[in-house]
Every structure is written in C-alpha cells, then in structure tokens.
Amino acid sequence: MKHEVNPKETIRAQAFEMWMQSPMPMVTLVKTFDVTHLEKMSRRSGLKFNMLLCWCIGKAASQIEEFYLLPQQGKLFRYDRLAINVIVNNSKGGISTCDIPFNDDLTQFSRDYDALTQKASETCRDITNEEAMIVGTSAVVETELDCIVNQYSGIFNNPFLAWGRYRHQRLKTTLPISFQFHHAQMDGGHAARFLEELQRRIRET
C-alpha cells in the first residue's frame, strides 16, 4: 500500500529539502559483483539467472528502510512492499515492462516471475503494480558492459539497477552492476550498504 508522508517527520527530512528541487538529483554507483555461485545455481537448477539476481536485489532492498520511500512530484510516499520491474522482449519485437511482486519465498517469486513475464511478452502490455515500491532493472545481455548510466527524466525517481552479460574468468564469474538512486531517497552510505547486502545475498542464495 502507498501513502503520502510528511518529509519533515521522516529520517529523510534534510535530504528531501536539499535534493527534491535539484535539476539532477540522481546518483549512480557501479560495483563489480562475484556472481559465481548464482551462475552455478542457475545451471544446476534450471532457474533463470536473471530471476535469481532479481530475487537477490529484492531481498537486499527489503533490508534497507529507505527503499520503501519514494520522492515524487514534490511529495514523499511510503510503501509497505516492494516489486521488481523487469524489461521483457515481447512478441511484436518491442519491449514491455513487468512488475514482479517481491516475495521472501524464492519458489513463489520464481513462479510469479515466469507467469508475469510470459504474459507481458505474449500480450505486449505492461504489467504494473501501483501499490508496491518499484525497483527498476534492465539486463542488456547481448554484450559485456562496464557501466550503464540511465537517463533521468524527472518522472521516474525509483531506484534502478542495470547490467550486461556476465564474465567468465578462470575461477569465478563477475558482473558489473550500475545502481542509480534519487538523493532525496537515500545517501551514498545507504546505497553502499545495499550493494554489500546484495553481494552477500548473491553468495548465500
């Protein structure tokens, strides 16, 4: 559920005042992750690598209070649940977006991921969840990338992660991931804690 909150009554009061009117309030951090365990798990189990990574993102984000806040149109909103947005190649040759509700249960998240992405692909319609805080993702797996910096339109202030194709090395598999966030929502320290938590989830899933 989504509801408006008074920024002055939150931990983001000072940041909201400083950054809400900034013409470029988005910050991008890039970290190279060790995804060896996740890639092996995907091959052994038959589960999609992208789905596993999205679940880890949701799991890590759910531990950070700031992820439930969204600065939007001069206001601040709080959500009580998360969803992971993925971009799907649809049957008409274009793309559709799909919001997957985050669930602590990996099996249920996997079922929802498969069902909703298939529906979006077949119908060529976006599947949205207006009542959940959306964490955006984009996987450009056609090539290896060092970094992706997303556009800032001023319309979508949600946190956003993007990556290319993972890289096989001698003893491990790595993947650079870009993380963009609105400075009114969180500071660099919160973002760094999220990235550390994401690496831990990737290793332990």
Protein backbone atom coordinates (compact mmCIF):
# COMPACT_ATOMS: atom_id res chain seq x y z
CA MET A 1 0.00 0.00 0.00
CA LYS A 2 1.15 3.55 -0.77
CA HIS A 3 0.55 6.62 1.37
CA GLU A 4 1.92 10.14 1.49
CA VAL A 5 4.10 11.11 4.44
CA ASN A 6 5.36 14.43 5.73
CA PRO A 7 9.07 14.57 4.79
CA LYS A 8 9.81 16.60 7.93
CA GLU A 9 8.66 13.69 10.05
CA THR A 10 11.00 11.18 8.39
CA ILE A 11 14.70 10.41 8.51
CA ARG A 12 14.98 11.99 5.04
CA ALA A 13 13.82 15.48 6.08
CA GLN A 14 17.10 17.31 5.44
CA ALA A 15 17.91 15.36 2.26
CA PHE A 16 14.41 15.95 0.89
CA GLU A 17 14.78 19.70 1.39
CA MET A 18 18.21 19.73 -0.22
CA TRP A 19 17.66 17.46 -3.20
CA MET A 20 13.98 17.42 -4.16
CA GLN A 21 14.30 20.51 -6.34
CA SER A 22 17.71 19.64 -7.75
CA PRO A 23 17.76 19.54 -11.58
CA MET A 24 19.89 16.37 -11.45
CA PRO A 25 19.25 14.54 -8.15
CA MET A 26 20.15 11.04 -9.33
CA VAL A 27 23.36 9.32 -8.18
CA THR A 28 24.91 6.30 -9.92
CA LEU A 29 27.25 3.81 -8.24
CA VAL A 30 28.90 0.89 -10.05
CA LYS A 31 30.16 -2.28 -8.39
CA THR A 32 31.57 -5.48 -9.88
CA PHE A 33 29.91 -8.48 -8.23
CA ASP A 34 31.12 -12.03 -7.84
CA VAL A 35 28.16 -13.99 -9.26
CA THR A 36 29.93 -17.37 -9.43
CA HIS A 37 27.53 -19.06 -7.01
CA LEU A 38 24.44 -17.63 -8.70
CA GLU A 39 25.58 -18.67 -12.18
CA LYS A 40 26.33 -22.23 -10.98
CA MET A 41 23.00 -22.41 -9.17
CA SER A 42 21.22 -21.32 -12.35
CA ARG A 43 22.91 -24.04 -14.40
CA ARG A 44 22.28 -26.76 -11.81
CA SER A 45 18.67 -25.90 -11.03
CA GLY A 46 17.45 -24.66 -14.41
CA LEU A 47 16.27 -21.42 -12.78
CA LYS A 48 16.82 -18.27 -14.82
CA PHE A 49 19.92 -16.32 -13.82
CA ASN A 50 18.08 -13.02 -14.26
CA MET A 51 15.26 -14.20 -11.99
CA LEU A 52 17.74 -15.26 -9.29
CA LEU A 53 19.51 -11.91 -9.48
CA CYS A 54 16.21 -10.02 -9.28
CA TRP A 55 15.24 -12.03 -6.19
CA CYS A 56 18.59 -11.18 -4.56
CA ILE A 57 18.00 -7.50 -5.39
CA GLY A 58 14.58 -7.62 -3.75
CA LYS A 59 15.94 -9.48 -0.72
CA ALA A 60 18.74 -6.94 -0.22
CA ALA A 61 16.48 -3.93 -0.82
CA SER A 62 13.91 -5.22 1.67
CA GLN A 63 16.53 -4.85 4.42
CA ILE A 64 17.06 -1.12 3.73
CA GLU A 65 14.34 1.18 5.12
CA GLU A 66 15.00 3.90 2.53
CA PHE A 67 13.91 1.62 -0.31
CA TYR A 68 10.31 1.95 0.90
CA LEU A 69 10.34 5.74 0.37
CA LEU A 70 9.76 7.43 -2.99
CA PRO A 71 10.18 11.18 -3.69
CA GLN A 72 7.72 12.08 -6.43
CA GLN A 73 6.27 15.35 -7.74
CA GLY A 74 7.42 17.32 -4.74
CA LYS A 75 5.98 14.82 -2.27
CA LEU A 76 7.26 11.82 -0.33
CA PHE A 77 5.47 8.48 -0.32
CA ARG A 78 5.97 5.39 1.80
CA TYR A 79 5.19 1.84 0.65
CA ASP A 80 4.76 -1.34 2.66
CA ARG A 81 6.03 -3.75 -0.01
CA LEU A 82 8.40 -3.97 -2.95
CA ALA A 83 8.20 -5.17 -6.54
CA ILE A 84 10.99 -5.70 -9.07
CA ASN A 85 10.44 -4.29 -12.54
CA VAL A 86 11.93 -6.21 -15.47
CA ILE A 87 12.01 -5.39 -19.17
CA VAL A 88 10.63 -8.13 -21.42
CA ASN A 89 11.08 -8.68 -25.16
CA ASN A 90 7.53 -9.02 -26.46
CA SER A 91 6.02 -10.97 -29.34
CA LYS A 92 5.79 -7.90 -31.59
CA GLY A 93 9.53 -7.28 -31.46
CA GLY A 94 9.28 -4.46 -28.96
CA ILE A 95 9.63 -4.37 -25.19
CA SER A 96 7.14 -4.40 -22.32
CA THR A 97 7.72 -3.81 -18.62
CA CYS A 98 6.60 -6.13 -15.88
CA ASP A 99 6.39 -5.58 -12.11
CA ILE A 100 7.12 -8.77 -10.16
CA PRO A 101 5.94 -8.63 -6.53
CA PHE A 102 8.86 -9.43 -4.24
CA ASN A 103 8.39 -12.50 -2.09
CA ASP A 104 10.82 -13.87 0.52
CA ASP A 105 9.96 -17.31 -0.84
CA LEU A 106 12.24 -17.84 -3.85
CA THR A 107 10.00 -20.58 -5.26
CA GLN A 108 6.95 -18.30 -5.27
CA PHE A 109 8.93 -15.40 -6.70
CA SER A 110 10.15 -17.68 -9.49
CA ARG A 111 6.58 -18.75 -10.30
CA ASP A 112 5.39 -15.15 -10.40
CA TYR A 113 8.40 -14.12 -12.49
CA ASP A 114 7.77 -16.81 -15.11
CA ALA A 115 3.99 -16.27 -15.27
CA LEU A 116 4.05 -12.47 -15.42
CA THR A 117 6.95 -12.11 -17.86
CA GLN A 118 5.34 -14.65 -20.18
CA LYS A 119 2.04 -12.76 -20.02
CA ALA A 120 3.74 -9.44 -20.75
CA SER A 121 5.63 -10.99 -23.66
CA GLU A 122 2.53 -12.57 -25.20
CA THR A 123 0.11 -9.67 -24.69
CA CYS A 124 2.65 -6.89 -25.42
CA ARG A 125 1.16 -4.98 -22.48
CA ASP A 126 2.93 -3.57 -19.45
CA ILE A 127 2.08 -5.23 -16.13
CA THR A 128 2.17 -2.64 -13.36
CA ASN A 129 1.77 -2.69 -9.59
CA GLU A 130 0.75 0.76 -8.37
CA GLU A 131 0.67 -0.28 -4.71
CA ALA A 132 4.27 -1.51 -4.47
CA MET A 133 7.54 0.40 -4.39
CA ILE A 134 9.16 -0.45 -7.72
CA VAL A 135 12.86 -1.24 -8.01
CA GLY A 136 13.69 -1.00 -11.71
CA THR A 137 16.08 -3.32 -13.54
CA SER A 138 17.41 -3.71 -17.06
CA ALA A 139 19.55 -6.57 -18.37
CA VAL A 140 21.41 -5.84 -21.62
CA VAL A 141 22.82 -9.35 -22.02
CA GLU A 142 23.77 -9.05 -25.70
CA THR A 143 27.19 -7.71 -24.71
CA GLU A 144 29.52 -7.22 -21.76
CA LEU A 145 29.28 -3.75 -20.23
CA ASP A 146 31.42 -1.89 -17.72
CA CYS A 147 28.70 0.57 -16.73
CA ILE A 148 25.18 1.74 -17.60
CA VAL A 149 24.03 5.25 -16.68
CA ASN A 150 20.27 5.55 -17.04
CA GLN A 151 18.52 8.66 -18.32
CA TYR A 152 16.94 11.00 -15.78
CA SER A 153 13.53 12.21 -16.95
CA GLY A 154 12.24 13.67 -13.70
CA ILE A 155 9.21 11.38 -13.99
CA PHE A 156 10.57 8.10 -12.62
CA ASN A 157 12.57 8.56 -9.42
CA ASN A 158 12.64 4.89 -8.46
CA PRO A 159 15.94 3.14 -7.75
CA PHE A 160 17.24 1.37 -10.84
CA LEU A 161 19.83 -1.36 -11.46
CA ALA A 162 21.25 -2.36 -14.84
CA TRP A 163 23.84 -4.83 -16.11
CA GLY A 164 25.16 -6.53 -19.23
CA ARG A 165 26.43 -10.06 -19.81
CA TYR A 166 28.39 -11.70 -17.01
CA ARG A 167 32.06 -12.50 -17.49
CA HIS A 168 33.71 -15.88 -17.09
CA GLN A 169 37.19 -15.75 -15.59
CA ARG A 170 39.47 -18.60 -14.52
CA LEU A 171 37.97 -19.29 -11.11
CA LYS A 172 34.93 -17.02 -10.92
CA THR A 173 32.17 -15.25 -12.80
CA THR A 174 31.79 -11.49 -12.39
CA LEU A 175 29.15 -8.93 -13.32
CA PRO A 176 29.38 -5.11 -13.11
CA ILE A 177 26.06 -3.64 -11.94
CA SER A 178 25.08 0.03 -12.06
CA PHE A 179 22.83 1.31 -9.29
CA GLN A 180 21.02 4.63 -9.69
CA PHE A 181 19.01 6.28 -6.92
CA HIS A 182 17.42 9.62 -6.03
CA HIS A 183 19.46 11.52 -3.45
CA ALA A 184 16.30 12.57 -1.59
CA GLN A 185 15.53 8.89 -1.05
CA MET A 186 18.89 7.74 0.26
CA ASP A 187 22.51 8.76 0.74
CA GLY A 188 25.65 7.11 -0.52
CA GLY A 189 26.07 5.20 2.73
CA HIS A 190 22.65 3.58 2.37
CA ALA A 191 23.42 2.70 -1.24
CA ALA A 192 26.77 1.18 -0.28
CA ARG A 193 25.09 -0.90 2.45
CA PHE A 194 22.58 -2.14 -0.11
CA LEU A 195 25.33 -3.14 -2.55
CA GLU A 196 27.20 -5.01 0.19
CA GLU A 197 23.97 -6.77 1.21
CA LEU A 198 23.31 -7.65 -2.43
CA GLN A 199 26.73 -9.27 -2.76
CA ARG A 200 26.08 -11.26 0.42
CA ARG A 201 22.72 -12.47 -0.88
CA ILE A 202 24.24 -13.47 -4.21
CA ARG A 203 26.87 -15.56 -2.43
CA GLU A 204 24.45 -17.18 0.03
CA THR A 205 21.35 -17.85 -2.09
